[in-house]
Amino acid sequence: MFKLRVAVLVTVAVCAFLAFGALSSWAAEEKINVNQAAQADFYVLPGMTETLAKAIVEYRAKAGRFGTFADLLKVPGMTKEYLDQISPRLLIIPEEDEVKLPKY
């Protein structure tokens, strides 16, 4: 009976470990729509600082939507090297392709 309990506990632990790994890799691959993301949404990007995340949101509010990745280089503090690093995790979706939810 003891061996059965240990076997069940080990099986549960292995399944939990594998599930956590799958969820972690999914979260690591999630893309961020830079035209809709809140400041906090950018923090999942490697190396993102509070200052740069705030600058992205403030620039978007002032200048309007980003049309290309190159537009992000206009954000104070954004470098080409850093943009090259994070661009695989970013989306720039044209406004007409975004889902519009009805307002009540």
PDB file of N, CA and C in Angstrom:
ATOM      1  N   MET A   1       0.827  -1.196   0.000  1.00  0.00           N
ATOM      2  CA  MET A   1       0.000   0.000   0.000  1.00  0.00           C
ATOM      3  C   MET A   1       0.871   1.261   0.000  1.00  0.00           C
ATOM      4  N   PHE A   2       1.944   1.235   0.787  1.00  0.00           N
ATOM      5  CA  PHE A   2       2.846   2.393   0.841  1.00  0.00           C
ATOM      6  C   PHE A   2       3.476   2.661  -0.521  1.00  0.00           C
ATOM      7  N   LYS A   3       3.912   1.572  -1.211  1.00  0.00           N
ATOM      8  CA  LYS A   3       4.539   1.730  -2.527  1.00  0.00           C
ATOM      9  C   LYS A   3       3.554   2.320  -3.528  1.00  0.00           C
ATOM     10  N   LEU A   4       2.293   1.937  -3.423  1.00  0.00           N
ATOM     11  CA  LEU A   4       1.278   2.474  -4.317  1.00  0.00           C
ATOM     12  C   LEU A   4       1.098   3.973  -4.092  1.00  0.00           C
ATOM     13  N   ARG A   5       1.058   4.402  -2.834  1.00  0.00           N
ATOM     14  CA  ARG A   5       0.914   5.827  -2.519  1.00  0.00           C
ATOM     15  C   ARG A   5       2.111   6.627  -3.043  1.00  0.00           C
ATOM     16  N   VAL A   6       3.299   6.099  -2.857  1.00  0.00           N
ATOM     17  CA  VAL A   6       4.495   6.775  -3.342  1.00  0.00           C
ATOM     18  C   VAL A   6       4.459   6.876  -4.863  1.00  0.00           C
ATOM     19  N   ALA A   7       4.054   5.807  -5.516  1.00  0.00           N
ATOM     20  CA  ALA A   7       3.978   5.812  -6.969  1.00  0.00           C
ATOM     21  C   ALA A   7       2.970   6.850  -7.459  1.00  0.00           C
ATOM     22  N   VAL A   8       1.845   6.956  -6.780  1.00  0.00           N
ATOM     23  CA  VAL A   8       0.829   7.944  -7.153  1.00  0.00           C
ATOM     24  C   VAL A   8       1.361   9.353  -6.931  1.00  0.00           C
ATOM     25  N   LEU A   9       2.010   9.593  -5.820  1.00  0.00           N
ATOM     26  CA  LEU A   9       2.567  10.915  -5.543  1.00  0.00           C
ATOM     27  C   LEU A   9       3.638  11.302  -6.567  1.00  0.00           C
ATOM     28  N   VAL A  10       4.481  10.369  -6.930  1.00  0.00           N
ATOM     29  CA  VAL A  10       5.520  10.640  -7.916  1.00  0.00           C
ATOM     30  C   VAL A  10       4.881  10.940  -9.273  1.00  0.00           C
ATOM     31  N   THR A  11       3.871  10.169  -9.636  1.00  0.00           N
ATOM     32  CA  THR A  11       3.177  10.398 -10.909  1.00  0.00           C
ATOM     33  C   THR A  11       2.534  11.781 -10.938  1.00  0.00           C
ATOM     34  N   VAL A  12       1.877  12.152  -9.861  1.00  0.00           N
ATOM     35  CA  VAL A  12       1.243  13.466  -9.772  1.00  0.00           C
ATOM     36  C   VAL A  12       2.297  14.566  -9.860  1.00  0.00           C
ATOM     37  N   ALA A  13       3.403  14.394  -9.172  1.00  0.00           N
ATOM     38  CA  ALA A  13       4.465  15.402  -9.193  1.00  0.00           C
ATOM     39  C   ALA A  13       5.051  15.552 -10.602  1.00  0.00           C
ATOM     40  N   VAL A  14       5.273  14.462 -11.289  1.00  0.00           N
ATOM     41  CA  VAL A  14       5.819  14.514 -12.645  1.00  0.00           C
ATOM     42  C   VAL A  14       4.827  15.201 -13.586  1.00  0.00           C
ATOM     43  N   CYS A  15       3.546  14.864 -13.471  1.00  0.00           N
ATOM     44  CA  CYS A  15       2.525  15.496 -14.322  1.00  0.00           C
ATOM     45  C   CYS A  15       2.451  16.997 -14.057  1.00  0.00           C
ATOM     46  N   ALA A  16       2.510  17.384 -12.792  1.00  0.00           N
ATOM     47  CA  ALA A  16       2.462  18.810 -12.450  1.00  0.00           C
ATOM     48  C   ALA A  16       3.686  19.529 -13.016  1.00  0.00           C
ATOM     49  N   PHE A  17       4.839  18.905 -12.900  1.00  0.00           N
ATOM     50  CA  PHE A  17       6.070  19.500 -13.441  1.00  0.00           C
ATOM     51  C   PHE A  17       5.972  19.680 -14.951  1.00  0.00           C
ATOM     52  N   LEU A  18       5.492  18.668 -15.647  1.00  0.00           N
ATOM     53  CA  LEU A  18       5.358  18.759 -17.106  1.00  0.00           C
ATOM     54  C   LEU A  18       4.323  19.806 -17.509  1.00  0.00           C
ATOM     55  N   ALA A  19       3.217  19.876 -16.777  1.00  0.00           N
ATOM     56  CA  ALA A  19       2.186  20.868 -17.087  1.00  0.00           C
ATOM     57  C   ALA A  19       2.719  22.274 -16.862  1.00  0.00           C
ATOM     58  N   PHE A  20       3.457  22.483 -15.783  1.00  0.00           N
ATOM     59  CA  PHE A  20       4.017  23.801 -15.509  1.00  0.00           C
ATOM     60  C   PHE A  20       4.990  24.198 -16.611  1.00  0.00           C
ATOM     61  N   GLY A  21       5.793  23.263 -17.067  1.00  0.00           N
ATOM     62  CA  GLY A  21       6.735  23.551 -18.149  1.00  0.00           C
ATOM     63  C   GLY A  21       6.016  23.927 -19.431  1.00  0.00           C
ATOM     64  N   ALA A  22       4.915  23.247 -19.727  1.00  0.00           N
ATOM     65  CA  ALA A  22       4.147  23.567 -20.933  1.00  0.00           C
ATOM     66  C   ALA A  22       3.517  24.947 -20.816  1.00  0.00           C
ATOM     67  N   LEU A  23       2.995  25.275 -19.650  1.00  0.00           N
ATOM     68  CA  LEU A  23       2.399  26.592 -19.453  1.00  0.00           C
ATOM     69  C   LEU A  23       3.454  27.689 -19.519  1.00  0.00           C
ATOM     70  N   SER A  24       4.610  27.428 -18.964  1.00  0.00           N
ATOM     71  CA  SER A  24       5.681  28.425 -18.984  1.00  0.00           C
ATOM     72  C   SER A  24       6.135  28.698 -20.410  1.00  0.00           C
ATOM     73  N   SER A  25       6.254  27.649 -21.213  1.00  0.00           N
ATOM     74  CA  SER A  25       6.694  27.862 -22.588  1.00  0.00           C
ATOM     75  C   SER A  25       5.608  28.563 -23.389  1.00  0.00           C
ATOM     76  N   TRP A  26       4.327  28.283 -23.098  1.00  0.00           N
ATOM     77  CA  TRP A  26       3.246  28.997 -23.773  1.00  0.00           C
ATOM     78  C   TRP A  26       3.300  30.478 -23.421  1.00  0.00           C
ATOM     79  N   ALA A  27       3.475  30.803 -22.143  1.00  0.00           N
ATOM     80  CA  ALA A  27       3.538  32.204 -21.729  1.00  0.00           C
ATOM     81  C   ALA A  27       4.737  32.897 -22.352  1.00  0.00           C
ATOM     82  N   ALA A  28       5.821  32.168 -22.509  1.00  0.00           N
ATOM     83  CA  ALA A  28       7.020  32.766 -23.093  1.00  0.00           C
ATOM     84  C   ALA A  28       6.823  33.095 -24.578  1.00  0.00           C
ATOM     85  N   GLU A  29       5.893  32.398 -25.229  1.00  0.00           N
ATOM     86  CA  GLU A  29       5.666  32.617 -26.649  1.00  0.00           C
ATOM     87  C   GLU A  29       4.494  33.561 -26.924  1.00  0.00           C
ATOM     88  N   GLU A  30       3.763  33.956 -25.903  1.00  0.00           N
ATOM     89  CA  GLU A  30       2.626  34.840 -26.101  1.00  0.00           C
ATOM     90  C   GLU A  30       3.097  36.163 -26.692  1.00  0.00           C
ATOM     91  N   LYS A  31       2.375  36.651 -27.701  1.00  0.00           N
ATOM     92  CA  LYS A  31       2.761  37.900 -28.357  1.00  0.00           C
ATOM     93  C   LYS A  31       1.953  39.059 -27.794  1.00  0.00           C
ATOM     94  N   ILE A  32       2.545  40.238 -27.839  1.00  0.00           N
ATOM     95  CA  ILE A  32       1.938  41.446 -27.293  1.00  0.00           C
ATOM     96  C   ILE A  32       1.585  42.378 -28.444  1.00  0.00           C
ATOM     97  N   ASN A  33       0.326  42.794 -28.493  1.00  0.00           N
ATOM     98  CA  ASN A  33      -0.113  43.774 -29.479  1.00  0.00           C
ATOM     99  C   ASN A  33       0.267  45.145 -28.939  1.00  0.00           C
ATOM    100  N   VAL A  34       1.262  45.764 -29.546  1.00  0.00           N
ATOM    101  CA  VAL A  34       1.776  47.032 -29.023  1.00  0.00           C
ATOM    102  C   VAL A  34       0.766  48.167 -29.131  1.00  0.00           C
ATOM    103  N   ASN A  35      -0.258  48.002 -29.962  1.00  0.00           N
ATOM    104  CA  ASN A  35      -1.267  49.045 -30.095  1.00  0.00           C
ATOM    105  C   ASN A  35      -2.401  48.927 -29.080  1.00  0.00           C
ATOM    106  N   GLN A  36      -2.411  47.852 -28.305  1.00  0.00           N
ATOM    107  CA  GLN A  36      -3.447  47.682 -27.292  1.00  0.00           C
ATOM    108  C   GLN A  36      -2.895  47.417 -25.894  1.00  0.00           C
ATOM    109  N   ALA A  37      -1.640  47.066 -25.792  1.00  0.00           N
ATOM    110  CA  ALA A  37      -1.067  46.635 -24.519  1.00  0.00           C
ATOM    111  C   ALA A  37      -1.003  47.764 -23.503  1.00  0.00           C
ATOM    112  N   ALA A  38      -1.283  47.408 -22.264  1.00  0.00           N
ATOM    113  CA  ALA A  38      -1.094  48.319 -21.138  1.00  0.00           C
ATOM    114  C   ALA A  38       0.377  48.289 -20.742  1.00  0.00           C
ATOM    115  N   GLN A  39       0.773  49.248 -19.944  1.00  0.00           N
ATOM    116  CA  GLN A  39       2.173  49.326 -19.522  1.00  0.00           C
ATOM    117  C   GLN A  39       2.630  48.014 -18.898  1.00  0.00           C
ATOM    118  N   ALA A  40       1.831  47.450 -18.026  1.00  0.00           N
ATOM    119  CA  ALA A  40       2.218  46.223 -17.321  1.00  0.00           C
ATOM    120  C   ALA A  40       2.366  45.031 -18.267  1.00  0.00           C
ATOM    121  N   ASP A  41       1.669  45.038 -19.389  1.00  0.00           N
ATOM    122  CA  ASP A  41       1.762  43.927 -20.340  1.00  0.00           C
ATOM    123  C   ASP A  41       3.165  43.785 -20.921  1.00  0.00           C
ATOM    124  N   PHE A  42       3.894  44.875 -21.005  1.00  0.00           N
ATOM    125  CA  PHE A  42       5.236  44.842 -21.591  1.00  0.00           C
ATOM    126  C   PHE A  42       6.271  44.217 -20.652  1.00  0.00           C
ATOM    127  N   TYR A  43       5.951  44.095 -19.370  1.00  0.00           N
ATOM    128  CA  TYR A  43       6.933  43.591 -18.405  1.00  0.00           C
ATOM    129  C   TYR A  43       7.317  42.137 -18.632  1.00  0.00           C
ATOM    130  N   VAL A  44       6.542  41.380 -19.399  1.00  0.00           N
ATOM    131  CA  VAL A  44       6.902  39.984 -19.662  1.00  0.00           C
ATOM    132  C   VAL A  44       8.047  39.870 -20.661  1.00  0.00           C
ATOM    133  N   LEU A  45       8.352  40.955 -21.346  1.00  0.00           N
ATOM    134  CA  LEU A  45       9.447  40.937 -22.312  1.00  0.00           C
ATOM    135  C   LEU A  45      10.794  40.964 -21.598  1.00  0.00           C
ATOM    136  N   PRO A  46      11.747  40.166 -22.041  1.00  0.00           N
ATOM    137  CA  PRO A  46      13.053  40.150 -21.382  1.00  0.00           C
ATOM    138  C   PRO A  46      13.737  41.506 -21.476  1.00  0.00           C
ATOM    139  N   GLY A  47      14.200  41.994 -20.354  1.00  0.00           N
ATOM    140  CA  GLY A  47      14.939  43.247 -20.323  1.00  0.00           C
ATOM    141  C   GLY A  47      14.086  44.508 -20.334  1.00  0.00           C
ATOM    142  N   MET A  48      12.758  44.360 -20.356  1.00  0.00           N
ATOM    143  CA  MET A  48      11.881  45.540 -20.384  1.00  0.00           C
ATOM    144  C   MET A  48      11.942  46.246 -19.033  1.00  0.00           C
ATOM    145  N   THR A  49      12.115  47.563 -19.090  1.00  0.00           N
ATOM    146  CA  THR A  49      12.142  48.359 -17.864  1.00  0.00           C
ATOM    147  C   THR A  49      10.824  49.098 -17.712  1.00  0.00           C
ATOM    148  N   GLU A  50      10.560  49.517 -16.501  1.00  0.00           N
ATOM    149  CA  GLU A  50       9.354  50.305 -16.238  1.00  0.00           C
ATOM    150  C   GLU A  50       9.377  51.595 -17.052  1.00  0.00           C
ATOM    151  N   THR A  51      10.542  52.210 -17.144  1.00  0.00           N
ATOM    152  CA  THR A  51      10.694  53.465 -17.880  1.00  0.00           C
ATOM    153  C   THR A  51      10.367  53.289 -19.360  1.00  0.00           C
ATOM    154  N   LEU A  52      10.879  52.229 -19.975  1.00  0.00           N
ATOM    155  CA  LEU A  52      10.632  52.020 -21.401  1.00  0.00           C
ATOM    156  C   LEU A  52       9.176  51.627 -21.651  1.00  0.00           C
ATOM    157  N   ALA A  53       8.614  50.779 -20.819  1.00  0.00           N
ATOM    158  CA  ALA A  53       7.205  50.398 -20.981  1.00  0.00           C
ATOM    159  C   ALA A  53       6.304  51.630 -20.895  1.00  0.00           C
ATOM    160  N   LYS A  54       6.584  52.495 -19.942  1.00  0.00           N
ATOM    161  CA  LYS A  54       5.811  53.732 -19.792  1.00  0.00           C
ATOM    162  C   LYS A  54       5.988  54.622 -21.016  1.00  0.00           C
ATOM    163  N   ALA A  55       7.217  54.702 -21.530  1.00  0.00           N
ATOM    164  CA  ALA A  55       7.491  55.540 -22.701  1.00  0.00           C
ATOM    165  C   ALA A  55       6.734  55.035 -23.932  1.00  0.00           C
ATOM    166  N   ILE A  56       6.628  53.721 -24.087  1.00  0.00           N
ATOM    167  CA  ILE A  56       5.904  53.152 -25.227  1.00  0.00           C
ATOM    168  C   ILE A  56       4.433  53.548 -25.159  1.00  0.00           C
ATOM    169  N   VAL A  57       3.831  53.375 -23.993  1.00  0.00           N
ATOM    170  CA  VAL A  57       2.407  53.688 -23.826  1.00  0.00           C
ATOM    171  C   VAL A  57       2.167  55.187 -23.989  1.00  0.00           C
ATOM    172  N   GLU A  58       3.031  56.010 -23.421  1.00  0.00           N
ATOM    173  CA  GLU A  58       2.868  57.460 -23.535  1.00  0.00           C
ATOM    174  C   GLU A  58       3.059  57.934 -24.976  1.00  0.00           C
ATOM    175  N   TYR A  59       4.036  57.366 -25.682  1.00  0.00           N
ATOM    176  CA  TYR A  59       4.259  57.747 -27.072  1.00  0.00           C
ATOM    177  C   TYR A  59       3.042  57.379 -27.920  1.00  0.00           C
ATOM    178  N   ARG A  60       2.511  56.185 -27.704  1.00  0.00           N
ATOM    179  CA  ARG A  60       1.336  55.740 -28.458  1.00  0.00           C
ATOM    180  C   ARG A  60       0.140  56.648 -28.198  1.00  0.00           C
ATOM    181  N   ALA A  61      -0.032  57.083 -26.944  1.00  0.00           N
ATOM    182  CA  ALA A  61      -1.143  57.968 -26.602  1.00  0.00           C
ATOM    183  C   ALA A  61      -0.998  59.324 -27.287  1.00  0.00           C
ATOM    184  N   LYS A  62       0.241  59.781 -27.412  1.00  0.00           N
ATOM    185  CA  LYS A  62       0.505  61.100 -28.004  1.00  0.00           C
ATOM    186  C   LYS A  62       0.519  61.057 -29.534  1.00  0.00           C
ATOM    187  N   ALA A  63       1.221  60.084 -30.100  1.00  0.00           N
ATOM    188  CA  ALA A  63       1.457  60.053 -31.548  1.00  0.00           C
ATOM    189  C   ALA A  63       0.477  59.161 -32.311  1.00  0.00           C
ATOM    190  N   GLY A  64      -0.247  58.308 -31.611  1.00  0.00           N
ATOM    191  CA  GLY A  64      -1.164  57.394 -32.291  1.00  0.00           C
ATOM    192  C   GLY A  64      -0.571  56.002 -32.438  1.00  0.00           C
ATOM    193  N   ARG A  65      -1.300  55.187 -33.156  1.00  0.00           N
ATOM    194  CA  ARG A  65      -0.949  53.775 -33.317  1.00  0.00           C
ATOM    195  C   ARG A  65       0.415  53.592 -34.000  1.00  0.00           C
ATOM    196  N   PHE A  66       1.050  52.485 -33.661  1.00  0.00           N
ATOM    197  CA  PHE A  66       2.280  52.086 -34.345  1.00  0.00           C
ATOM    198  C   PHE A  66       1.875  51.356 -35.622  1.00  0.00           C
ATOM    199  N   GLY A  67       2.440  51.750 -36.739  1.00  0.00           N
ATOM    200  CA  GLY A  67       2.125  51.099 -38.006  1.00  0.00           C
ATOM    201  C   GLY A  67       3.129  50.027 -38.381  1.00  0.00           C
ATOM    202  N   THR A  68       4.382  50.206 -37.926  1.00  0.00           N
ATOM    203  CA  THR A  68       5.459  49.257 -38.216  1.00  0.00           C
ATOM    204  C   THR A  68       6.338  49.119 -36.978  1.00  0.00           C
ATOM    205  N   PHE A  69       7.176  48.101 -36.988  1.00  0.00           N
ATOM    206  CA  PHE A  69       8.125  47.945 -35.888  1.00  0.00           C
ATOM    207  C   PHE A  69       9.085  49.126 -35.848  1.00  0.00           C
ATOM    208  N   ALA A  70       9.431  49.661 -37.005  1.00  0.00           N
ATOM    209  CA  ALA A  70      10.358  50.798 -37.062  1.00  0.00           C
ATOM    210  C   ALA A  70       9.799  52.003 -36.314  1.00  0.00           C
ATOM    211  N   ASP A  71       8.479  52.135 -36.241  1.00  0.00           N
ATOM    212  CA  ASP A  71       7.877  53.239 -35.490  1.00  0.00           C
ATOM    213  C   ASP A  71       8.249  53.193 -34.012  1.00  0.00           C
ATOM    214  N   LEU A  72       8.521  52.013 -33.504  1.00  0.00           N
ATOM    215  CA  LEU A  72       8.906  51.882 -32.087  1.00  0.00           C
ATOM    216  C   LEU A  72      10.256  52.536 -31.810  1.00  0.00           C
ATOM    217  N   LEU A  73      11.075  52.715 -32.840  1.00  0.00           N
ATOM    218  CA  LEU A  73      12.374  53.365 -32.648  1.00  0.00           C
ATOM    219  C   LEU A  73      12.219  54.848 -32.328  1.00  0.00           C
ATOM    220  N   LYS A  74      11.043  55.403 -32.540  1.00  0.00           N
ATOM    221  CA  LYS A  74      10.773  56.795 -32.197  1.00  0.00           C
ATOM    222  C   LYS A  74      10.500  56.975 -30.707  1.00  0.00           C
ATOM    223  N   VAL A  75      10.283  55.877 -30.001  1.00  0.00           N
ATOM    224  CA  VAL A  75      10.032  55.925 -28.559  1.00  0.00           C
ATOM    225  C   VAL A  75      11.345  56.235 -27.845  1.00  0.00           C
ATOM    226  N   PRO A  76      11.347  57.249 -26.981  1.00  0.00           N
ATOM    227  CA  PRO A  76      12.575  57.561 -26.242  1.00  0.00           C
ATOM    228  C   PRO A  76      13.068  56.344 -25.436  1.00  0.00           C
ATOM    229  N   GLY A  77      14.326  56.001 -25.643  1.00  0.00           N
ATOM    230  CA  GLY A  77      14.916  54.882 -24.913  1.00  0.00           C
ATOM    231  C   GLY A  77      14.940  53.575 -25.688  1.00  0.00           C
ATOM    232  N   MET A  78      14.187  53.465 -26.783  1.00  0.00           N
ATOM    233  CA  MET A  78      14.180  52.237 -27.580  1.00  0.00           C
ATOM    234  C   MET A  78      15.387  52.244 -28.512  1.00  0.00           C
ATOM    235  N   THR A  79      16.115  51.144 -28.512  1.00  0.00           N
ATOM    236  CA  THR A  79      17.265  51.006 -29.404  1.00  0.00           C
ATOM    237  C   THR A  79      16.966  49.934 -30.454  1.00  0.00           C
ATOM    238  N   LYS A  80      17.676  49.995 -31.554  1.00  0.00           N
ATOM    239  CA  LYS A  80      17.492  48.996 -32.605  1.00  0.00           C
ATOM    240  C   LYS A  80      17.847  47.605 -32.082  1.00  0.00           C
ATOM    241  N   GLU A  81      18.895  47.518 -31.292  1.00  0.00           N
ATOM    242  CA  GLU A  81      19.328  46.227 -30.755  1.00  0.00           C
ATOM    243  C   GLU A  81      18.240  45.616 -29.870  1.00  0.00           C
ATOM    244  N   TYR A  82      17.664  46.440 -29.000  1.00  0.00           N
ATOM    245  CA  TYR A  82      16.623  45.911 -28.114  1.00  0.00           C
ATOM    246  C   TYR A  82      15.362  45.570 -28.906  1.00  0.00           C
ATOM    247  N   LEU A  83      15.006  46.396 -29.873  1.00  0.00           N
ATOM    248  CA  LEU A  83      13.838  46.112 -30.708  1.00  0.00           C
ATOM    249  C   LEU A  83      14.033  44.801 -31.471  1.00  0.00           C
ATOM    250  N   ASP A  84      15.229  44.569 -31.991  1.00  0.00           N
ATOM    251  CA  ASP A  84      15.522  43.308 -32.677  1.00  0.00           C
ATOM    252  C   ASP A  84      15.337  42.118 -31.733  1.00  0.00           C
ATOM    253  N   GLN A  85      15.690  42.302 -30.463  1.00  0.00           N
ATOM    254  CA  GLN A  85      15.570  41.232 -29.478  1.00  0.00           C
ATOM    255  C   GLN A  85      14.109  40.919 -29.157  1.00  0.00           C
ATOM    256  N   ILE A  86      13.270  41.932 -29.013  1.00  0.00           N
ATOM    257  CA  ILE A  86      11.895  41.702 -28.569  1.00  0.00           C
ATOM    258  C   ILE A  86      10.875  41.598 -29.703  1.00  0.00           C
ATOM    259  N   SER A  87      11.231  42.007 -30.915  1.00  0.00           N
ATOM    260  CA  SER A  87      10.249  42.035 -32.007  1.00  0.00           C
ATOM    261  C   SER A  87       9.582  40.682 -32.294  1.00  0.00           C
ATOM    262  N   PRO A  88      10.252  39.538 -32.099  1.00  0.00           N
ATOM    263  CA  PRO A  88       9.532  38.270 -32.313  1.00  0.00           C
ATOM    264  C   PRO A  88       8.348  38.083 -31.359  1.00  0.00           C
ATOM    265  N   ARG A  89       8.342  38.799 -30.249  1.00  0.00           N
ATOM    266  CA  ARG A  89       7.271  38.680 -29.256  1.00  0.00           C
ATOM    267  C   ARG A  89       6.217  39.768 -29.407  1.00  0.00           C
ATOM    268  N   LEU A  90       6.351  40.632 -30.416  1.00  0.00           N
ATOM    269  CA  LEU A  90       5.432  41.751 -30.588  1.00  0.00           C
ATOM    270  C   LEU A  90       4.541  41.556 -31.806  1.00  0.00           C
ATOM    271  N   LEU A  91       3.351  42.144 -31.741  1.00  0.00           N
ATOM    272  CA  LEU A  91       2.431  42.195 -32.871  1.00  0.00           C
ATOM    273  C   LEU A  91       2.068  43.640 -33.133  1.00  0.00           C
ATOM    274  N   ILE A  92       1.984  43.987 -34.398  1.00  0.00           N
ATOM    275  CA  ILE A  92       1.427  45.279 -34.783  1.00  0.00           C
ATOM    276  C   ILE A  92       0.288  44.949 -35.735  1.00  0.00           C
ATOM    277  N   ILE A  93      -0.928  45.082 -35.220  1.00  0.00           N
ATOM    278  CA  ILE A  93      -2.115  44.713 -35.981  1.00  0.00           C
ATOM    279  C   ILE A  93      -2.782  45.985 -36.495  1.00  0.00           C
ATOM    280  N   PRO A  94      -3.014  46.052 -37.799  1.00  0.00           N
ATOM    281  CA  PRO A  94      -3.719  47.219 -38.327  1.00  0.00           C
ATOM    282  C   PRO A  94      -5.096  47.356 -37.669  1.00  0.00           C
ATOM    283  N   GLU A  95      -5.524  48.564 -37.471  1.00  0.00           N
ATOM    284  CA  GLU A  95      -6.768  48.834 -36.755  1.00  0.00           C
ATOM    285  C   GLU A  95      -7.955  48.082 -37.337  1.00  0.00           C
ATOM    286  N   GLU A  96      -8.045  48.000 -38.641  1.00  0.00           N
ATOM    287  CA  GLU A  96      -9.212  47.354 -39.242  1.00  0.00           C
ATOM    288  C   GLU A  96      -9.253  45.855 -38.977  1.00  0.00           C
ATOM    289  N   ASP A  97      -8.112  45.251 -38.595  1.00  0.00           N
ATOM    290  CA  ASP A  97      -8.077  43.810 -38.304  1.00  0.00           C
ATOM    291  C   ASP A  97      -8.367  43.490 -36.838  1.00  0.00           C
ATOM    292  N   GLU A  98      -8.414  44.481 -35.980  1.00  0.00           N
ATOM    293  CA  GLU A  98      -8.676  44.221 -34.567  1.00  0.00           C
ATOM    294  C   GLU A  98     -10.154  43.965 -34.331  1.00  0.00           C
ATOM    295  N   VAL A  99     -10.415  43.134 -33.360  1.00  0.00           N
ATOM    296  CA  VAL A  99     -11.793  42.822 -33.001  1.00  0.00           C
ATOM    297  C   VAL A  99     -12.382  44.008 -32.252  1.00  0.00           C
ATOM    298  N   LYS A 100     -13.509  44.445 -32.674  1.00  0.00           N
ATOM    299  CA  LYS A 100     -14.191  45.563 -32.018  1.00  0.00           C
ATOM    300  C   LYS A 100     -15.325  44.975 -31.183  1.00  0.00           C
ATOM    301  N   LEU A 101     -15.336  45.240 -29.905  1.00  0.00           N
ATOM    302  CA  LEU A 101     -16.407  44.783 -29.033  1.00  0.00           C
ATOM    303  C   LEU A 101     -17.449  45.888 -28.916  1.00  0.00           C
ATOM    304  N   PRO A 102     -18.706  45.506 -28.890  1.00  0.00           N
ATOM    305  CA  PRO A 102     -19.742  46.544 -28.771  1.00  0.00           C
ATOM    306  C   PRO A 102     -19.663  47.249 -27.420  1.00  0.00           C
ATOM    307  N   LYS A 103     -19.988  48.525 -27.429  1.00  0.00           N
ATOM    308  CA  LYS A 103     -20.021  49.303 -26.189  1.00  0.00           C
ATOM    309  C   LYS A 103     -21.447  49.343 -25.690  1.00  0.00           C
ATOM    310  N   TYR A 104     -21.619  49.120 -24.422  1.00  0.00           N
ATOM    311  CA  TYR A 104     -22.964  49.134 -23.831  1.00  0.00           C
ATOM    312  C   TYR A 104     -23.172  50.365 -23.000  1.00  0.00           C
TER     313      TYR A 104
END
